Amino acid sequence: MQDKIRLAVADDHMQFRRAVVAHLERQGFEILFQAGNGAQLIAQLEYAVALPHACLLDIHMPVMDGVACIEAIRNRWPAIIPVALSIDDAAETAQRAMAAGAAAFFVKGGDPVILKAAIESLVQKRDA
């Protein structure tokens, strides 16, 4: 694989976001930036010097939720891979995220090894 995979993380629960970022950094990912909602993430993308390969997006956030953020990313930066995260494991939540253009959907609290492997696989597939 090339250099480190670059990520951005948007989640309104700061403690969860910090824990996920710390875990991903220990796994060798480069975290370009973090946001507390989708609008903050979009603003960061607009002014980014380097774009992330993928964005991990909480589905339920204030101001701009994950579904709206996924749609905005797909429309403006189609090379960025949106990955949805949610505490809500309802099939409807996953379906909304995937219909908006998420490349994958993960339930918070799931196996972090699977999340790491999925992100690596999605980026490899995109770069192939």
Protein backbone atom coordinates (compact mmCIF):
# COMPACT_ATOMS: atom_id res chain seq x y z
CA MET A 1 0.00 0.00 0.00
CA GLN A 2 1.10 3.62 -0.60
CA ASP A 3 1.62 6.18 2.15
CA LYS A 4 -0.65 6.36 5.16
CA ILE A 5 -4.35 6.38 4.49
CA ARG A 6 -5.73 9.83 5.27
CA LEU A 7 -9.01 10.10 7.18
CA ALA A 8 -11.39 12.70 8.54
CA VAL A 9 -13.82 11.92 11.36
CA ALA A 10 -17.11 13.68 12.11
CA ASP A 11 -19.01 12.76 15.27
CA ASP A 12 -20.79 15.03 17.73
CA HIS A 13 -19.80 12.92 20.73
CA MET A 14 -16.34 14.28 21.48
CA GLN A 15 -15.27 11.44 23.76
CA PHE A 16 -16.20 8.80 21.17
CA ARG A 17 -14.56 10.82 18.39
CA ARG A 18 -11.32 11.19 20.33
CA ALA A 19 -11.26 7.47 21.15
CA VAL A 20 -11.84 6.50 17.51
CA VAL A 21 -9.17 8.94 16.31
CA ALA A 22 -6.65 7.64 18.86
CA HIS A 23 -7.38 4.05 17.82
CA LEU A 24 -7.10 4.81 14.11
CA GLU A 25 -3.83 6.67 14.61
CA ARG A 26 -2.42 3.67 16.50
CA GLN A 27 -3.46 1.55 13.52
CA GLY A 28 -1.34 3.69 11.19
CA PHE A 29 -3.99 5.98 9.70
CA GLU A 30 -3.35 9.71 9.37
CA ILE A 31 -6.22 11.81 10.73
CA LEU A 32 -6.32 15.07 8.79
CA PHE A 33 -9.10 16.64 10.80
CA GLN A 34 -12.05 16.10 13.10
CA ALA A 35 -15.46 17.74 13.26
CA GLY A 36 -18.46 17.80 15.57
CA ASN A 37 -20.99 17.83 12.73
CA GLY A 38 -21.25 17.54 8.97
CA ALA A 39 -21.20 21.29 8.32
CA GLN A 40 -17.87 21.62 10.13
CA LEU A 41 -16.46 18.73 8.12
CA ILE A 42 -17.59 20.23 4.81
CA ALA A 43 -16.01 23.57 5.77
CA GLN A 44 -12.73 21.79 6.56
CA LEU A 45 -12.83 19.94 3.24
CA GLU A 46 -13.34 23.22 1.37
CA TYR A 47 -10.11 24.65 2.74
CA ALA A 48 -8.06 21.46 3.01
CA VAL A 49 -4.56 21.43 1.56
CA ALA A 50 -4.80 17.61 1.29
CA LEU A 51 -8.04 15.70 1.10
CA PRO A 52 -8.73 12.52 3.05
CA HIS A 53 -9.07 9.20 1.29
CA ALA A 54 -12.13 8.50 3.44
CA CYS A 55 -14.42 10.24 5.94
CA LEU A 56 -15.98 8.44 8.91
CA LEU A 57 -19.35 10.06 9.53
CA ASP A 58 -21.77 9.65 12.41
CA ILE A 59 -25.28 9.43 11.03
CA HIS A 60 -26.95 11.33 13.89
CA MET A 61 -25.31 14.76 14.29
CA PRO A 62 -26.72 18.26 14.81
CA VAL A 63 -26.54 21.04 12.19
CA MET A 64 -25.79 18.64 9.30
CA ASP A 65 -26.31 14.93 9.85
CA GLY A 66 -24.27 12.15 8.33
CA VAL A 67 -26.69 11.44 5.49
CA ALA A 68 -26.61 15.06 4.28
CA CYS A 69 -22.84 15.10 4.69
CA ILE A 70 -22.46 11.89 2.65
CA GLU A 71 -24.53 13.43 -0.15
CA ALA A 72 -22.45 16.63 -0.09
CA ILE A 73 -19.18 14.70 -0.20
CA ARG A 74 -20.38 12.50 -3.06
CA ASN A 75 -21.46 15.57 -5.05
CA ARG A 76 -18.40 17.77 -4.44
CA TRP A 77 -15.53 15.33 -3.81
CA PRO A 78 -16.45 12.01 -5.45
CA ALA A 79 -12.99 10.52 -4.85
CA ILE A 80 -13.49 10.70 -1.06
CA ILE A 81 -14.98 7.52 0.39
CA PRO A 82 -17.77 8.21 2.91
CA VAL A 83 -18.10 5.59 5.66
CA ALA A 84 -21.16 5.78 7.92
CA LEU A 85 -21.09 5.09 11.66
CA SER A 86 -24.06 4.88 14.01
CA ILE A 87 -25.06 3.65 17.42
CA ASP A 88 -28.38 2.85 15.74
CA ASP A 89 -28.25 -0.62 14.22
CA ALA A 90 -31.69 -0.40 12.61
CA ALA A 91 -31.79 -1.58 9.01
CA GLU A 92 -33.50 1.67 7.99
CA THR A 93 -30.52 3.70 9.26
CA ALA A 94 -28.07 1.62 7.24
CA GLN A 95 -30.33 1.82 4.19
CA ARG A 96 -30.53 5.64 4.42
CA ALA A 97 -26.75 5.90 4.66
CA MET A 98 -26.14 3.54 1.76
CA ALA A 99 -28.81 5.22 -0.40
CA ALA A 100 -27.05 8.56 0.20
CA GLY A 101 -23.81 7.07 -1.11
CA ALA A 102 -21.97 5.62 1.87
CA ALA A 103 -19.43 3.00 0.81
CA ALA A 104 -19.94 1.12 4.08
CA PHE A 105 -21.98 1.23 7.29
CA PHE A 106 -20.67 0.27 10.72
CA VAL A 107 -22.35 0.12 14.09
CA LYS A 108 -20.43 1.88 16.85
CA GLY A 109 -19.06 -0.61 19.29
CA GLY A 110 -18.30 -3.14 16.58
CA ASP A 111 -14.96 -4.83 16.08
CA PRO A 112 -12.33 -2.14 15.30
CA VAL A 113 -10.25 -4.70 13.39
CA ILE A 114 -13.08 -5.03 10.86
CA LEU A 115 -13.34 -1.24 10.51
CA LYS A 116 -9.59 -0.98 9.84
CA ALA A 117 -9.67 -3.78 7.26
CA ALA A 118 -12.73 -2.31 5.55
CA ILE A 119 -11.20 1.15 5.24
CA GLU A 120 -8.00 -0.31 3.80
CA SER A 121 -9.98 -2.45 1.36
CA LEU A 122 -12.16 0.47 0.21
CA VAL A 123 -9.13 2.68 -0.43
CA GLN A 124 -7.27 -0.11 -2.26
CA LYS A 125 -10.33 -0.77 -4.43
CA ARG A 126 -10.69 2.94 -5.23
CA ASP A 127 -7.00 3.23 -6.13
CA ALA A 128 -6.98 0.08 -8.27
